[in-house]
C-alpha cells in the first residue's frame, strides 16, 4: 500500500523562480505511482537556474491515497545536471506525521561521497533481507540487556518480555548501543 491513486502535484524552486504547482499527469509507465515503481514525467518550464527545493504532495482523494515517496530526481535538460531530493517518508494522513505534502531540499552530492555505491549496497541488502519481513514470519531480536528475545509476530504483536528461549527457530540479531 505504498502507492497512491491521488493526484500528485509538484512545485520546483530554483535561483530564478519557481514552476508553480503542477500536476504530474503523464508518466512513461501505463499506471503511475505504484509501489516500488519509478515514474518519469516531463515538466516544461522556463530555466530556473540551480534548483534548491521542491514541494511535492497529493490531494488526498481516492482509495488508497497514502503514498510512500523515496526520492525525486530532476534532470535539467539544459545543463545535464541531476538534482536529488531525498524523502523516504509517507505522504499520508494516517501515517508518519499525517502530512500529505513535503518540502524537500536538494541533496548535495558532495555531502555523500560514494553515494551511488551506498545506494547500490542498500538495494542489494534489502533484496537479500526483505524475505524476513514477509507476511507470516515471526522475527526475533536478541536483547543483550535482558538476555532474552523481542518477538515481532505476524499478527502485529510485540513480545518484549525477553523470553530466553528461541521458540521459532529464526533469530536475527540486532545490536543496539546507547
N, C-alpha and C. Protein backbone atom coordinates (compact mmCIF):
# COMPACT_ATOMS: atom_id res chain seq x y z
N UNK A 1 0.82 -1.21 0.00
CA UNK A 1 0.00 0.00 0.00
C UNK A 1 0.85 1.26 0.00
N UNK A 2 2.02 1.22 -0.65
CA UNK A 2 2.90 2.38 -0.67
C UNK A 2 2.64 3.28 -1.87
N UNK A 3 1.83 2.83 -2.82
CA UNK A 3 1.49 3.65 -3.99
C UNK A 3 0.27 4.51 -3.70
N UNK A 4 -0.10 5.35 -4.66
CA UNK A 4 -1.27 6.21 -4.47
C UNK A 4 -2.06 6.34 -5.76
N UNK A 5 -3.35 6.55 -5.61
CA UNK A 5 -4.22 6.86 -6.73
C UNK A 5 -4.61 8.33 -6.72
N UNK A 6 -4.15 9.08 -5.74
CA UNK A 6 -4.46 10.50 -5.64
C UNK A 6 -3.73 11.28 -6.73
N UNK A 7 -4.17 12.52 -6.96
CA UNK A 7 -3.49 13.41 -7.90
C UNK A 7 -2.27 13.99 -7.20
N UNK A 8 -1.10 13.87 -7.85
CA UNK A 8 0.16 14.32 -7.25
C UNK A 8 0.58 15.63 -7.92
N UNK A 9 1.04 16.56 -7.08
CA UNK A 9 1.45 17.89 -7.54
C UNK A 9 2.88 18.16 -7.09
N UNK A 10 3.59 18.98 -7.90
CA UNK A 10 4.96 19.35 -7.55
C UNK A 10 5.19 20.81 -7.90
N UNK A 11 5.97 21.49 -7.08
CA UNK A 11 6.48 22.84 -7.36
C UNK A 11 7.99 22.75 -7.26
N UNK A 12 8.68 23.27 -8.27
CA UNK A 12 10.14 23.22 -8.31
C UNK A 12 10.66 24.65 -8.15
N UNK A 13 11.64 24.82 -7.25
CA UNK A 13 12.19 26.13 -6.94
C UNK A 13 13.66 26.19 -7.31
N UNK A 14 14.03 27.27 -8.01
CA UNK A 14 15.42 27.49 -8.39
C UNK A 14 15.81 28.92 -8.12
N UNK A 15 17.06 29.26 -8.45
CA UNK A 15 17.57 30.59 -8.17
C UNK A 15 16.87 31.68 -8.99
N UNK A 16 16.17 31.30 -10.06
CA UNK A 16 15.48 32.28 -10.91
C UNK A 16 13.96 32.23 -10.79
N UNK A 17 13.43 31.54 -9.81
CA UNK A 17 11.98 31.48 -9.63
C UNK A 17 11.49 30.06 -9.40
N UNK A 18 10.19 29.85 -9.67
CA UNK A 18 9.62 28.52 -9.45
C UNK A 18 8.61 28.21 -10.55
N UNK A 19 8.21 26.96 -10.61
CA UNK A 19 7.27 26.50 -11.63
C UNK A 19 5.83 26.73 -11.26
N UNK A 20 5.55 27.00 -10.00
CA UNK A 20 4.18 26.97 -9.52
C UNK A 20 3.77 25.52 -9.37
N UNK A 21 2.61 25.29 -8.83
CA UNK A 21 2.14 23.93 -8.60
C UNK A 21 1.71 23.30 -9.92
N UNK A 22 2.28 22.13 -10.22
CA UNK A 22 1.99 21.41 -11.45
C UNK A 22 1.57 19.99 -11.12
N UNK A 23 0.48 19.54 -11.71
CA UNK A 23 0.05 18.15 -11.52
C UNK A 23 0.91 17.25 -12.39
N UNK A 24 1.35 16.13 -11.83
CA UNK A 24 2.11 15.15 -12.58
C UNK A 24 1.12 14.21 -13.26
N UNK A 25 0.92 14.42 -14.56
CA UNK A 25 -0.15 13.74 -15.28
C UNK A 25 0.28 12.49 -16.02
N UNK A 26 1.25 12.60 -16.90
CA UNK A 26 1.58 11.50 -17.80
C UNK A 26 2.95 10.92 -17.48
N UNK A 27 2.92 9.77 -16.87
CA UNK A 27 4.15 9.03 -16.60
C UNK A 27 4.50 8.22 -17.84
N UNK A 28 5.73 7.81 -17.94
CA UNK A 28 6.12 6.92 -19.03
C UNK A 28 5.66 5.49 -18.75
N UNK A 29 5.07 5.25 -17.61
CA UNK A 29 4.50 3.94 -17.26
C UNK A 29 3.00 3.97 -17.51
N UNK A 30 2.39 2.82 -17.80
CA UNK A 30 0.95 2.79 -18.06
C UNK A 30 0.12 3.21 -16.84
N UNK A 31 0.55 2.83 -15.65
CA UNK A 31 -0.15 3.20 -14.42
C UNK A 31 0.88 3.85 -13.50
N UNK A 32 0.57 5.05 -13.01
CA UNK A 32 1.56 5.79 -12.25
C UNK A 32 1.43 5.60 -10.74
N UNK A 33 2.53 5.86 -10.06
CA UNK A 33 2.65 5.86 -8.60
C UNK A 33 2.32 4.52 -7.96
N UNK A 34 2.80 3.44 -8.54
CA UNK A 34 2.64 2.11 -7.95
C UNK A 34 3.80 1.84 -7.01
N UNK A 35 3.57 0.98 -6.04
CA UNK A 35 4.60 0.60 -5.07
C UNK A 35 5.82 0.06 -5.79
N UNK A 36 6.99 0.57 -5.43
CA UNK A 36 8.26 0.08 -5.97
C UNK A 36 8.57 0.54 -7.38
N UNK A 37 7.73 1.37 -7.95
CA UNK A 37 7.89 1.80 -9.34
C UNK A 37 8.57 3.15 -9.43
N UNK A 38 9.38 3.34 -10.46
CA UNK A 38 9.96 4.64 -10.76
C UNK A 38 9.16 5.24 -11.91
N UNK A 39 8.57 6.40 -11.67
CA UNK A 39 7.81 7.09 -12.70
C UNK A 39 8.64 8.23 -13.26
N UNK A 40 8.52 8.47 -14.56
CA UNK A 40 9.26 9.54 -15.23
C UNK A 40 8.25 10.47 -15.88
N UNK A 41 8.38 11.77 -15.58
CA UNK A 41 7.49 12.80 -16.11
C UNK A 41 8.32 13.87 -16.80
N UNK A 42 7.74 14.53 -17.77
CA UNK A 42 8.35 15.70 -18.40
C UNK A 42 7.61 16.92 -17.89
N UNK A 43 8.38 17.87 -17.38
CA UNK A 43 7.81 19.10 -16.85
C UNK A 43 8.43 20.26 -17.62
N UNK A 44 7.62 20.98 -18.36
CA UNK A 44 8.12 22.12 -19.13
C UNK A 44 8.01 23.38 -18.30
N UNK A 45 9.11 24.16 -18.29
CA UNK A 45 9.14 25.41 -17.54
C UNK A 45 10.31 26.25 -18.06
N UNK A 46 10.30 27.54 -17.74
CA UNK A 46 11.46 28.36 -18.05
C UNK A 46 12.64 27.82 -17.24
N UNK A 47 13.86 28.11 -17.70
CA UNK A 47 15.02 27.61 -16.96
C UNK A 47 15.12 28.33 -15.62
N UNK A 48 15.15 27.56 -14.54
CA UNK A 48 15.13 28.11 -13.18
C UNK A 48 16.52 28.31 -12.59
N UNK A 49 17.57 27.99 -13.34
CA UNK A 49 18.91 28.05 -12.78
C UNK A 49 19.12 26.85 -11.87
N UNK A 50 20.03 26.98 -10.91
CA UNK A 50 20.28 25.88 -9.98
C UNK A 50 19.06 25.69 -9.07
N UNK A 51 18.63 24.45 -8.95
CA UNK A 51 17.48 24.12 -8.13
C UNK A 51 17.89 23.96 -6.68
N UNK A 52 16.99 24.33 -5.75
CA UNK A 52 17.32 24.17 -4.34
C UNK A 52 16.24 23.47 -3.53
N UNK A 53 14.98 23.48 -4.00
CA UNK A 53 13.95 22.75 -3.25
C UNK A 53 12.78 22.43 -4.15
N UNK A 54 11.95 21.48 -3.66
CA UNK A 54 10.68 21.17 -4.29
C UNK A 54 9.63 21.06 -3.18
N UNK A 55 8.40 21.24 -3.56
CA UNK A 55 7.28 20.91 -2.69
C UNK A 55 6.46 19.89 -3.46
N UNK A 56 6.25 18.71 -2.88
CA UNK A 56 5.52 17.65 -3.55
C UNK A 56 4.46 17.11 -2.61
N UNK A 57 3.31 16.81 -3.16
CA UNK A 57 2.23 16.29 -2.34
C UNK A 57 1.08 15.82 -3.22
N UNK A 58 0.01 15.40 -2.57
CA UNK A 58 -1.16 14.95 -3.32
C UNK A 58 -2.42 15.52 -2.68
N UNK A 59 -3.55 15.34 -3.39
CA UNK A 59 -4.79 15.93 -2.93
C UNK A 59 -5.54 15.08 -1.91
N UNK A 60 -5.05 13.89 -1.58
CA UNK A 60 -5.67 13.05 -0.56
C UNK A 60 -6.95 12.37 -0.99
N UNK A 61 -7.27 12.43 -2.27
CA UNK A 61 -8.51 11.84 -2.75
C UNK A 61 -8.27 10.44 -3.31
N UNK A 62 -9.32 9.65 -3.32
CA UNK A 62 -9.25 8.30 -3.89
C UNK A 62 -8.94 7.27 -2.82
N UNK A 63 -9.28 6.03 -3.15
CA UNK A 63 -8.98 4.95 -2.20
C UNK A 63 -7.48 4.69 -2.23
N UNK A 64 -6.94 4.38 -1.08
CA UNK A 64 -5.50 4.11 -1.00
C UNK A 64 -4.68 5.32 -1.40
N UNK A 65 -5.01 6.49 -0.84
CA UNK A 65 -4.31 7.70 -1.26
C UNK A 65 -2.97 7.90 -0.58
N UNK A 66 -2.69 7.20 0.52
CA UNK A 66 -1.40 7.33 1.18
C UNK A 66 -0.29 6.89 0.25
N UNK A 67 0.87 7.55 0.37
CA UNK A 67 1.96 7.31 -0.58
C UNK A 67 3.28 7.37 0.14
N UNK A 68 4.15 6.38 -0.10
CA UNK A 68 5.50 6.41 0.44
C UNK A 68 6.42 6.84 -0.68
N UNK A 69 7.05 8.00 -0.51
CA UNK A 69 7.93 8.57 -1.53
C UNK A 69 9.38 8.40 -1.09
N UNK A 70 10.15 7.72 -1.93
CA UNK A 70 11.57 7.50 -1.62
C UNK A 70 12.38 8.74 -1.98
N UNK A 71 12.32 9.17 -3.23
CA UNK A 71 13.10 10.33 -3.65
C UNK A 71 12.58 10.85 -4.98
N UNK A 72 12.98 12.08 -5.29
CA UNK A 72 12.69 12.70 -6.57
C UNK A 72 14.03 13.11 -7.17
N UNK A 73 14.23 12.77 -8.44
CA UNK A 73 15.43 13.19 -9.16
C UNK A 73 14.96 14.03 -10.34
N UNK A 74 15.49 15.25 -10.43
CA UNK A 74 15.15 16.13 -11.54
C UNK A 74 16.39 16.28 -12.41
N UNK A 75 16.21 15.99 -13.69
CA UNK A 75 17.31 16.14 -14.65
C UNK A 75 17.07 17.42 -15.43
N UNK A 76 18.02 18.35 -15.32
CA UNK A 76 17.96 19.61 -16.06
C UNK A 76 18.45 19.34 -17.48
N UNK A 77 17.56 19.44 -18.44
CA UNK A 77 17.93 19.11 -19.83
C UNK A 77 18.88 20.13 -20.45
N UNK A 78 18.97 21.32 -19.90
CA UNK A 78 19.87 22.34 -20.45
C UNK A 78 21.29 22.14 -19.93
N UNK A 79 21.44 21.95 -18.61
CA UNK A 79 22.78 21.82 -18.02
C UNK A 79 23.22 20.36 -17.89
N UNK A 80 22.29 19.43 -18.08
CA UNK A 80 22.53 18.00 -17.92
C UNK A 80 22.89 17.62 -16.47
N UNK A 81 22.48 18.47 -15.52
CA UNK A 81 22.72 18.18 -14.10
C UNK A 81 21.53 17.42 -13.52
N UNK A 82 21.81 16.54 -12.56
CA UNK A 82 20.77 15.84 -11.82
C UNK A 82 20.67 16.45 -10.43
N UNK A 83 19.45 16.72 -9.99
CA UNK A 83 19.18 17.23 -8.65
C UNK A 83 18.37 16.17 -7.91
N UNK A 84 18.90 15.73 -6.76
CA UNK A 84 18.22 14.68 -5.99
C UNK A 84 17.61 15.28 -4.73
N UNK A 85 16.36 14.91 -4.49
CA UNK A 85 15.61 15.36 -3.32
C UNK A 85 15.17 14.11 -2.57
N UNK A 86 15.83 13.80 -1.45
CA UNK A 86 15.51 12.60 -0.68
C UNK A 86 14.30 12.85 0.20
N UNK A 87 13.42 11.87 0.26
CA UNK A 87 12.24 11.98 1.11
C UNK A 87 12.19 10.79 2.08
N UNK A 88 11.98 9.61 1.54
CA UNK A 88 11.90 8.36 2.30
C UNK A 88 10.91 8.48 3.47
N UNK A 89 9.72 9.03 3.15
CA UNK A 89 8.68 9.22 4.16
C UNK A 89 7.31 9.02 3.52
N UNK A 90 6.31 8.88 4.39
CA UNK A 90 4.92 8.77 3.96
C UNK A 90 4.34 10.14 3.71
N UNK A 91 3.51 10.23 2.69
CA UNK A 91 2.63 11.37 2.45
C UNK A 91 1.23 10.79 2.64
N UNK A 92 0.77 10.79 3.87
CA UNK A 92 -0.44 10.05 4.22
C UNK A 92 -1.00 10.63 5.52
N UNK A 93 -2.29 10.93 5.51
CA UNK A 93 -2.92 11.48 6.71
C UNK A 93 -2.94 10.49 7.86
N UNK A 94 -2.81 9.19 7.58
CA UNK A 94 -2.87 8.18 8.63
C UNK A 94 -1.52 7.57 8.98
N UNK A 95 -0.43 8.07 8.41
CA UNK A 95 0.91 7.53 8.67
C UNK A 95 1.86 8.66 9.04
N UNK A 96 2.98 8.28 9.63
CA UNK A 96 4.06 9.22 9.89
C UNK A 96 3.51 10.42 10.66
N UNK A 97 3.71 11.65 10.15
CA UNK A 97 3.22 12.85 10.84
C UNK A 97 1.89 13.35 10.29
N UNK A 98 1.28 12.61 9.37
CA UNK A 98 -0.02 12.97 8.83
C UNK A 98 -0.01 13.96 7.68
N UNK A 99 1.16 14.42 7.25
CA UNK A 99 1.24 15.38 6.15
C UNK A 99 1.11 14.67 4.81
N UNK A 100 0.42 15.33 3.86
CA UNK A 100 0.30 14.78 2.51
C UNK A 100 1.10 15.62 1.51
N UNK A 101 1.92 16.53 2.03
CA UNK A 101 2.84 17.31 1.20
C UNK A 101 4.15 17.46 1.95
N UNK A 102 5.24 17.49 1.22
CA UNK A 102 6.57 17.63 1.81
C UNK A 102 7.37 18.69 1.06
N UNK A 103 8.12 19.48 1.82
CA UNK A 103 9.11 20.39 1.24
C UNK A 103 10.46 19.70 1.37
N UNK A 104 11.11 19.48 0.23
CA UNK A 104 12.38 18.76 0.21
C UNK A 104 13.47 19.65 -0.37
N UNK A 105 14.62 19.68 0.28
CA UNK A 105 15.74 20.45 -0.24
C UNK A 105 16.67 19.53 -1.01
N UNK A 106 17.41 20.13 -1.94
CA UNK A 106 18.29 19.35 -2.79
C UNK A 106 19.38 18.69 -1.94
N UNK A 107 19.74 17.49 -2.32
CA UNK A 107 20.81 16.76 -1.65
C UNK A 107 22.10 17.05 -2.38
N UNK A 108 23.05 17.61 -1.67
CA UNK A 108 24.35 17.94 -2.27
C UNK A 108 25.17 16.67 -2.37
N UNK A 109 25.55 16.30 -3.59
CA UNK A 109 26.31 15.07 -3.81
C UNK A 109 27.63 15.08 -3.05
N UNK A 110 28.21 16.26 -2.81
CA UNK A 110 29.49 16.32 -2.10
C UNK A 110 29.33 15.94 -0.63
N UNK A 111 28.08 16.00 -0.11
CA UNK A 111 27.84 15.60 1.28
C UNK A 111 27.90 14.08 1.43
N UNK A 112 27.75 13.36 0.33
CA UNK A 112 27.68 11.91 0.38
C UNK A 112 28.69 11.30 -0.58
N UNK A 113 29.97 11.28 -0.21
CA UNK A 113 30.92 10.65 -1.11
C UNK A 113 30.56 9.18 -1.30
N UNK A 114 30.61 8.73 -2.53
CA UNK A 114 30.28 7.33 -2.81
C UNK A 114 28.80 7.05 -2.67
N UNK A 115 27.96 8.07 -2.82
CA UNK A 115 26.53 7.91 -2.61
C UNK A 115 25.93 6.83 -3.50
N UNK A 116 26.36 6.77 -4.76
CA UNK A 116 25.81 5.76 -5.67
C UNK A 116 26.16 4.35 -5.18
N UNK A 117 27.38 4.20 -4.69
CA UNK A 117 27.78 2.90 -4.16
C UNK A 117 26.96 2.52 -2.93
N UNK A 118 26.71 3.51 -2.07
CA UNK A 118 25.90 3.26 -0.88
C UNK A 118 24.47 2.89 -1.26
N UNK A 119 23.91 3.58 -2.25
CA UNK A 119 22.55 3.28 -2.69
C UNK A 119 22.48 1.87 -3.26
N UNK A 120 23.48 1.49 -4.03
CA UNK A 120 23.52 0.14 -4.60
C UNK A 120 23.60 -0.90 -3.48
N UNK A 121 24.44 -0.66 -2.48
CA UNK A 121 24.56 -1.59 -1.35
C UNK A 121 23.23 -1.69 -0.59
N UNK A 122 22.54 -0.54 -0.40
CA UNK A 122 21.26 -0.54 0.29
C UNK A 122 20.25 -1.40 -0.47
N UNK A 123 20.21 -1.24 -1.80
CA UNK A 123 19.28 -2.01 -2.61
C UNK A 123 19.63 -3.50 -2.57
N UNK A 124 20.91 -3.83 -2.63
CA UNK A 124 21.33 -5.23 -2.58
C UNK A 124 20.99 -5.85 -1.22
N UNK A 125 21.21 -5.08 -0.16
CA UNK A 125 20.92 -5.58 1.19
C UNK A 125 19.43 -5.82 1.35
N UNK A 126 18.60 -4.88 0.90
CA UNK A 126 17.16 -5.05 1.02
C UNK A 126 16.70 -6.26 0.21
N UNK A 127 17.24 -6.44 -1.00
CA UNK A 127 16.86 -7.58 -1.83
C UNK A 127 17.17 -8.90 -1.11
N UNK A 128 18.27 -8.92 -0.37
CA UNK A 128 18.67 -10.13 0.33
C UNK A 128 17.91 -10.33 1.65
N UNK A 129 17.46 -9.26 2.26
CA UNK A 129 16.88 -9.34 3.61
C UNK A 129 15.36 -9.19 3.66
N UNK A 130 14.71 -8.76 2.58
CA UNK A 130 13.29 -8.45 2.66
C UNK A 130 12.41 -9.66 2.95
N UNK A 131 12.91 -10.87 2.70
CA UNK A 131 12.12 -12.07 2.99
C UNK A 131 11.77 -12.15 4.47
N UNK A 132 12.60 -11.59 5.31
CA UNK A 132 12.36 -11.65 6.75
C UNK A 132 11.08 -10.91 7.14
N UNK A 133 10.69 -9.93 6.33
CA UNK A 133 9.57 -9.08 6.66
C UNK A 133 8.31 -9.44 5.89
N UNK A 134 8.31 -10.62 5.27
CA UNK A 134 7.12 -11.06 4.55
C UNK A 134 6.06 -11.53 5.53
N UNK A 135 4.82 -11.46 5.06
CA UNK A 135 3.68 -11.84 5.88
C UNK A 135 3.84 -13.27 6.39
N UNK A 136 3.58 -13.44 7.67
CA UNK A 136 3.63 -14.77 8.28
C UNK A 136 4.90 -15.06 9.04
N UNK A 137 5.95 -14.29 8.82
CA UNK A 137 7.21 -14.53 9.53
C UNK A 137 7.16 -13.91 10.93
N UNK A 138 7.74 -14.61 11.87
CA UNK A 138 7.94 -14.07 13.21
C UNK A 138 9.41 -13.71 13.33
N UNK A 139 9.69 -12.48 13.72
CA UNK A 139 11.06 -12.03 13.87
C UNK A 139 11.42 -12.01 15.35
N UNK A 140 12.63 -12.44 15.63
CA UNK A 140 13.14 -12.37 17.00
C UNK A 140 14.44 -11.60 16.98
N UNK A 141 14.55 -10.66 17.90
CA UNK A 141 15.77 -9.90 18.05
C UNK A 141 16.30 -10.17 19.45
N UNK A 142 17.57 -10.48 19.56
CA UNK A 142 18.18 -10.76 20.85
C UNK A 142 18.48 -9.45 21.56
N UNK A 143 18.06 -9.38 22.83
CA UNK A 143 18.28 -8.21 23.65
C UNK A 143 19.42 -8.52 24.61
N UNK A 144 20.56 -7.89 24.42
CA UNK A 144 21.73 -8.17 25.26
C UNK A 144 21.50 -7.74 26.70
N UNK A 145 20.65 -6.75 26.91
CA UNK A 145 20.40 -6.27 28.26
C UNK A 145 19.65 -7.30 29.09
N UNK A 146 18.59 -7.88 28.53
CA UNK A 146 17.78 -8.85 29.26
C UNK A 146 18.18 -10.29 28.97
N UNK A 147 19.07 -10.48 27.99
CA UNK A 147 19.48 -11.81 27.54
C UNK A 147 18.28 -12.63 27.09
N UNK A 148 17.30 -11.94 26.53
CA UNK A 148 16.10 -12.59 26.02
C UNK A 148 15.82 -12.13 24.61
N UNK A 149 14.68 -12.54 24.09
CA UNK A 149 14.32 -12.21 22.72
C UNK A 149 13.12 -11.28 22.69
N UNK A 150 13.15 -10.33 21.78
CA UNK A 150 12.00 -9.50 21.47
C UNK A 150 11.40 -10.08 20.19
N UNK A 151 10.13 -10.46 20.25
CA UNK A 151 9.49 -11.11 19.11
C UNK A 151 8.47 -10.19 18.46
N UNK A 152 8.53 -10.10 17.14
CA UNK A 152 7.54 -9.39 16.34
C UNK A 152 6.76 -10.46 15.60
N UNK A 153 5.48 -10.61 15.93
CA UNK A 153 4.69 -11.71 15.39
C UNK A 153 3.90 -11.28 14.16
N UNK A 154 3.47 -12.25 13.35
CA UNK A 154 2.72 -11.92 12.13
C UNK A 154 1.43 -11.15 12.38
N UNK A 155 0.83 -11.27 13.56
CA UNK A 155 -0.41 -10.55 13.84
C UNK A 155 -0.14 -9.18 14.49
N UNK A 156 1.08 -8.67 14.32
CA UNK A 156 1.50 -7.33 14.77
C UNK A 156 1.70 -7.20 16.26
N UNK A 157 1.73 -8.31 16.99
CA UNK A 157 2.02 -8.24 18.41
C UNK A 157 3.53 -8.17 18.62
N UNK A 158 3.92 -7.52 19.71
CA UNK A 158 5.33 -7.45 20.09
C UNK A 158 5.45 -8.06 21.47
N UNK A 159 6.29 -9.08 21.60
CA UNK A 159 6.58 -9.69 22.88
C UNK A 159 7.96 -9.19 23.29
N UNK A 160 7.98 -8.21 24.19
CA UNK A 160 9.25 -7.62 24.60
C UNK A 160 9.64 -8.02 26.01
N UNK A 161 9.05 -9.09 26.52
CA UNK A 161 9.35 -9.51 27.88
C UNK A 161 10.68 -10.24 28.00
N UNK A 162 11.24 -10.61 26.89
CA UNK A 162 12.57 -11.19 26.94
C UNK A 162 12.61 -12.67 27.19
N UNK A 163 11.75 -13.44 26.53
CA UNK A 163 11.79 -14.89 26.63
C UNK A 163 13.20 -15.37 26.27
N UNK A 164 13.80 -16.18 27.12
CA UNK A 164 15.18 -16.62 26.89
C UNK A 164 15.27 -17.82 25.96
N UNK A 165 14.14 -18.33 25.50
CA UNK A 165 14.13 -19.48 24.61
C UNK A 165 13.80 -19.05 23.19
N UNK A 166 14.41 -19.70 22.25
CA UNK A 166 14.17 -19.44 20.84
C UNK A 166 13.08 -20.39 20.38
N UNK A 167 11.80 -19.96 20.44
CA UNK A 167 10.68 -20.81 20.11
C UNK A 167 10.49 -20.99 18.60
N UNK A 168 10.96 -20.05 17.82
CA UNK A 168 10.58 -20.02 16.42
C UNK A 168 11.68 -20.50 15.46
N UNK A 169 12.88 -20.66 15.92
CA UNK A 169 13.93 -21.21 15.08
C UNK A 169 14.67 -20.21 14.22
N UNK A 170 14.13 -19.01 14.03
CA UNK A 170 14.79 -17.99 13.23
C UNK A 170 15.15 -16.84 14.16
N UNK A 171 16.42 -16.54 14.25
CA UNK A 171 16.88 -15.48 15.14
C UNK A 171 17.66 -14.47 14.32
N UNK A 172 17.30 -13.22 14.45
CA UNK A 172 18.01 -12.15 13.78
C UNK A 172 18.55 -11.25 14.86
N UNK A 173 19.84 -11.05 14.88
CA UNK A 173 20.47 -10.28 15.93
C UNK A 173 20.50 -8.81 15.57
N UNK A 174 20.07 -7.99 16.50
CA UNK A 174 20.09 -6.56 16.35
C UNK A 174 20.85 -6.00 17.55
N UNK A 175 22.00 -5.43 17.29
CA UNK A 175 22.81 -4.88 18.37
C UNK A 175 22.53 -3.39 18.45
N UNK A 176 22.12 -2.93 19.61
CA UNK A 176 21.83 -1.52 19.79
C UNK A 176 22.70 -0.99 20.92
N UNK A 177 23.35 0.11 20.67
CA UNK A 177 24.22 0.71 21.66
C UNK A 177 23.74 2.12 21.96
N UNK A 178 23.86 2.51 23.20
CA UNK A 178 23.44 3.86 23.57
C UNK A 178 24.67 4.75 23.70
